[in-house]
């Protein structure tokens, strides 16, 4: 019986040692965190060099659209002085605010297109 008891104790000691080792490894594992990258960086890093695209998609603005926007901007801006003069005589145009907002939007669009083409 003493022999059986010592065999049981040895088995318990070994299994508890293995359990402690497993717990230490499990606790140490999650402490390492890889650097976080954006999805595009991860994809670029994962692609083999021969599969990467050498040419970036063109974000160049459409010249015809820019010309139409510039013409609309010029046309809208020509109407503003007359409407402002009318304000001094007491005539308030309800569309002046809308026109000024449209002028802002078109000028921002043209500025952004210019900045993109200069890159």
C-alpha atoms as a PDB file:
ATOM      1  CA  UNK A   1       0.000   0.000   0.000  1.00  0.00           C
ATOM      2  CA  UNK A   2       2.883   2.338   0.729  1.00  0.00           C
ATOM      3  CA  UNK A   3       4.169   1.655  -2.756  1.00  0.00           C
ATOM      4  CA  UNK A   4       0.835   2.602  -4.279  1.00  0.00           C
ATOM      5  CA  UNK A   5       0.686   5.740  -2.170  1.00  0.00           C
ATOM      6  CA  UNK A   6       4.128   6.895  -3.324  1.00  0.00           C
ATOM      7  CA  UNK A   7       3.157   6.164  -6.941  1.00  0.00           C
ATOM      8  CA  UNK A   8       0.029   8.330  -6.547  1.00  0.00           C
ATOM      9  CA  UNK A   9       2.042  11.132  -4.949  1.00  0.00           C
ATOM     10  CA  UNK A  10       4.646  11.073  -7.749  1.00  0.00           C
ATOM     11  CA  UNK A  11       1.872  11.259 -10.361  1.00  0.00           C
ATOM     12  CA  UNK A  12       0.245  14.212  -8.570  1.00  0.00           C
ATOM     13  CA  UNK A  13       3.583  16.032  -8.311  1.00  0.00           C
ATOM     14  CA  UNK A  14       4.344  15.542 -12.002  1.00  0.00           C
ATOM     15  CA  UNK A  15       0.883  16.584 -13.133  1.00  0.00           C
ATOM     16  CA  UNK A  16       0.893  19.652 -10.879  1.00  0.00           C
ATOM     17  CA  UNK A  17       4.341  20.602 -12.229  1.00  0.00           C
ATOM     18  CA  UNK A  18       3.033  20.287 -15.812  1.00  0.00           C
ATOM     19  CA  UNK A  19      -0.049  22.323 -14.851  1.00  0.00           C
ATOM     20  CA  UNK A  20       2.104  25.113 -13.385  1.00  0.00           C
ATOM     21  CA  UNK A  21       4.275  25.203 -16.518  1.00  0.00           C
ATOM     22  CA  UNK A  22       1.149  25.415 -18.723  1.00  0.00           C
ATOM     23  CA  UNK A  23      -0.290  28.239 -16.625  1.00  0.00           C
ATOM     24  CA  UNK A  24       2.953  30.208 -16.773  1.00  0.00           C
ATOM     25  CA  UNK A  25       3.134  29.822 -20.550  1.00  0.00           C
ATOM     26  CA  UNK A  26      -0.514  30.773 -20.974  1.00  0.00           C
ATOM     27  CA  UNK A  27      -0.077  33.876 -18.828  1.00  0.00           C
ATOM     28  CA  UNK A  28       3.081  34.946 -20.655  1.00  0.00           C
ATOM     29  CA  UNK A  29       1.657  34.451 -24.156  1.00  0.00           C
ATOM     30  CA  UNK A  30      -0.925  37.285 -24.350  1.00  0.00           C
ATOM     31  CA  UNK A  31       1.535  39.878 -23.027  1.00  0.00           C
ATOM     32  CA  UNK A  32       3.204  40.179 -26.448  1.00  0.00           C
ATOM     33  CA  UNK A  33       1.357  42.439 -28.852  1.00  0.00           C
ATOM     34  CA  UNK A  34       2.481  43.008 -32.419  1.00  0.00           C
ATOM     35  CA  UNK A  35       2.521  46.567 -33.734  1.00  0.00           C
ATOM     36  CA  UNK A  36      -0.833  47.647 -35.083  1.00  0.00           C
ATOM     37  CA  UNK A  37      -0.889  48.557 -38.760  1.00  0.00           C
ATOM     38  CA  UNK A  38      -3.595  49.797 -41.020  1.00  0.00           C
ATOM     39  CA  UNK A  39      -5.300  47.304 -43.294  1.00  0.00           C
ATOM     40  CA  UNK A  40      -3.622  48.730 -46.388  1.00  0.00           C
ATOM     41  CA  UNK A  41      -0.150  48.416 -44.853  1.00  0.00           C
ATOM     42  CA  UNK A  42      -0.846  44.827 -43.862  1.00  0.00           C
ATOM     43  CA  UNK A  43      -2.028  43.967 -47.363  1.00  0.00           C
ATOM     44  CA  UNK A  44       0.986  45.663 -48.941  1.00  0.00           C
ATOM     45  CA  UNK A  45       3.347  43.832 -46.592  1.00  0.00           C
ATOM     46  CA  UNK A  46       1.655  40.487 -47.258  1.00  0.00           C
ATOM     47  CA  UNK A  47       1.750  40.778 -51.054  1.00  0.00           C
ATOM     48  CA  UNK A  48       4.828  39.362 -52.743  1.00  0.00           C
ATOM     49  CA  UNK A  49       6.755  42.068 -54.620  1.00  0.00           C
ATOM     50  CA  UNK A  50       5.814  40.727 -58.049  1.00  0.00           C
ATOM     51  CA  UNK A  51       2.100  41.052 -57.262  1.00  0.00           C
ATOM     52  CA  UNK A  52       2.211  44.657 -56.116  1.00  0.00           C
ATOM     53  CA  UNK A  53       0.889  47.175 -58.559  1.00  0.00           C
ATOM     54  CA  UNK A  54       3.525  49.610 -59.702  1.00  0.00           C
ATOM     55  CA  UNK A  55       1.066  52.156 -61.067  1.00  0.00           C
ATOM     56  CA  UNK A  56      -1.172  53.975 -58.632  1.00  0.00           C
ATOM     57  CA  UNK A  57      -4.742  54.595 -59.756  1.00  0.00           C
ATOM     58  CA  UNK A  58      -5.137  58.017 -61.271  1.00  0.00           C
ATOM     59  CA  UNK A  59      -6.868  60.576 -59.107  1.00  0.00           C
ATOM     60  CA  UNK A  60      -6.387  63.284 -61.702  1.00  0.00           C
ATOM     61  CA  UNK A  61      -9.477  65.461 -62.054  1.00  0.00           C
ATOM     62  CA  UNK A  62     -11.518  65.381 -65.240  1.00  0.00           C
ATOM     63  CA  UNK A  63     -10.492  68.459 -67.293  1.00  0.00           C
ATOM     64  CA  UNK A  64     -13.934  68.855 -68.867  1.00  0.00           C
ATOM     65  CA  UNK A  65     -15.637  68.799 -65.481  1.00  0.00           C
ATOM     66  CA  UNK A  66     -13.159  71.346 -64.133  1.00  0.00           C
ATOM     67  CA  UNK A  67     -13.819  73.596 -67.123  1.00  0.00           C
ATOM     68  CA  UNK A  68     -17.597  73.403 -66.562  1.00  0.00           C
ATOM     69  CA  UNK A  69     -17.122  74.171 -62.862  1.00  0.00           C
ATOM     70  CA  UNK A  70     -14.860  77.127 -63.658  1.00  0.00           C
ATOM     71  CA  UNK A  71     -17.395  78.513 -66.151  1.00  0.00           C
ATOM     72  CA  UNK A  72     -20.219  78.134 -63.634  1.00  0.00           C
ATOM     73  CA  UNK A  73     -18.083  79.819 -60.982  1.00  0.00           C
ATOM     74  CA  UNK A  74     -17.368  82.748 -63.332  1.00  0.00           C
ATOM     75  CA  UNK A  75     -21.045  83.080 -64.233  1.00  0.00           C
ATOM     76  CA  UNK A  76     -22.167  83.028 -60.595  1.00  0.00           C
ATOM     77  CA  UNK A  77     -19.513  85.512 -59.528  1.00  0.00           C
ATOM     78  CA  UNK A  78     -20.604  87.990 -62.216  1.00  0.00           C
ATOM     79  CA  UNK A  79     -24.105  88.186 -60.720  1.00  0.00           C
ATOM     80  CA  UNK A  80     -22.951  88.917 -57.173  1.00  0.00           C
ATOM     81  CA  UNK A  81     -21.941  92.609 -57.543  1.00  0.00           C
ATOM     82  CA  UNK A  82     -25.337  93.557 -58.997  1.00  0.00           C
ATOM     83  CA  UNK A  83     -27.150  91.778 -56.194  1.00  0.00           C
ATOM     84  CA  UNK A  84     -24.967  93.389 -53.533  1.00  0.00           C
ATOM     85  CA  UNK A  85     -25.680  96.784 -55.095  1.00  0.00           C
ATOM     86  CA  UNK A  86     -29.375  95.964 -54.986  1.00  0.00           C
ATOM     87  CA  UNK A  87     -29.020  95.285 -51.262  1.00  0.00           C
ATOM     88  CA  UNK A  88     -27.801  98.844 -50.736  1.00  0.00           C
ATOM     89  CA  UNK A  89     -31.056 100.065 -52.330  1.00  0.00           C
ATOM     90  CA  UNK A  90     -33.124  97.790 -50.093  1.00  0.00           C
ATOM     91  CA  UNK A  91     -33.649  94.922 -52.565  1.00  0.00           C
ATOM     92  CA  UNK A  92     -32.689  91.621 -50.997  1.00  0.00           C
ATOM     93  CA  UNK A  93     -32.278  88.619 -53.278  1.00  0.00           C
ATOM     94  CA  UNK A  94     -33.376  85.385 -51.680  1.00  0.00           C
ATOM     95  CA  UNK A  95     -31.015  83.445 -53.942  1.00  0.00           C
ATOM     96  CA  UNK A  96     -27.864  85.436 -53.105  1.00  0.00           C
ATOM     97  CA  UNK A  97     -27.007  83.240 -50.113  1.00  0.00           C
ATOM     98  CA  UNK A  98     -27.461  80.070 -52.216  1.00  0.00           C
ATOM     99  CA  UNK A  99     -25.275  81.489 -54.966  1.00  0.00           C
ATOM    100  CA  UNK A 100     -22.530  82.438 -52.509  1.00  0.00           C
ATOM    101  CA  UNK A 101     -22.589  78.936 -51.026  1.00  0.00           C
ATOM    102  CA  UNK A 102     -22.345  77.430 -54.515  1.00  0.00           C
ATOM    103  CA  UNK A 103     -19.411  79.748 -55.276  1.00  0.00           C
ATOM    104  CA  UNK A 104     -17.659  78.508 -52.125  1.00  0.00           C
ATOM    105  CA  UNK A 105     -18.288  74.884 -53.030  1.00  0.00           C
ATOM    106  CA  UNK A 106     -17.015  75.277 -56.599  1.00  0.00           C
ATOM    107  CA  UNK A 107     -13.913  77.205 -55.542  1.00  0.00           C
ATOM    108  CA  UNK A 108     -13.066  74.567 -52.925  1.00  0.00           C
ATOM    109  CA  UNK A 109     -13.495  71.826 -55.516  1.00  0.00           C
ATOM    110  CA  UNK A 110     -11.194  73.635 -57.952  1.00  0.00           C
ATOM    111  CA  UNK A 111      -8.584  74.307 -55.236  1.00  0.00           C
ATOM    112  CA  UNK A 112      -8.598  70.632 -54.211  1.00  0.00           C
ATOM    113  CA  UNK A 113      -8.207  69.533 -57.836  1.00  0.00           C
ATOM    114  CA  UNK A 114      -5.280  71.923 -58.226  1.00  0.00           C
ATOM    115  CA  UNK A 115      -3.635  70.601 -55.060  1.00  0.00           C
ATOM    116  CA  UNK A 116      -4.058  66.983 -56.237  1.00  0.00           C
ATOM    117  CA  UNK A 117      -2.546  67.736 -59.632  1.00  0.00           C
ATOM    118  CA  UNK A 118       0.491  69.423 -58.017  1.00  0.00           C
ATOM    119  CA  UNK A 119       1.425  66.346 -55.966  1.00  0.00           C
END
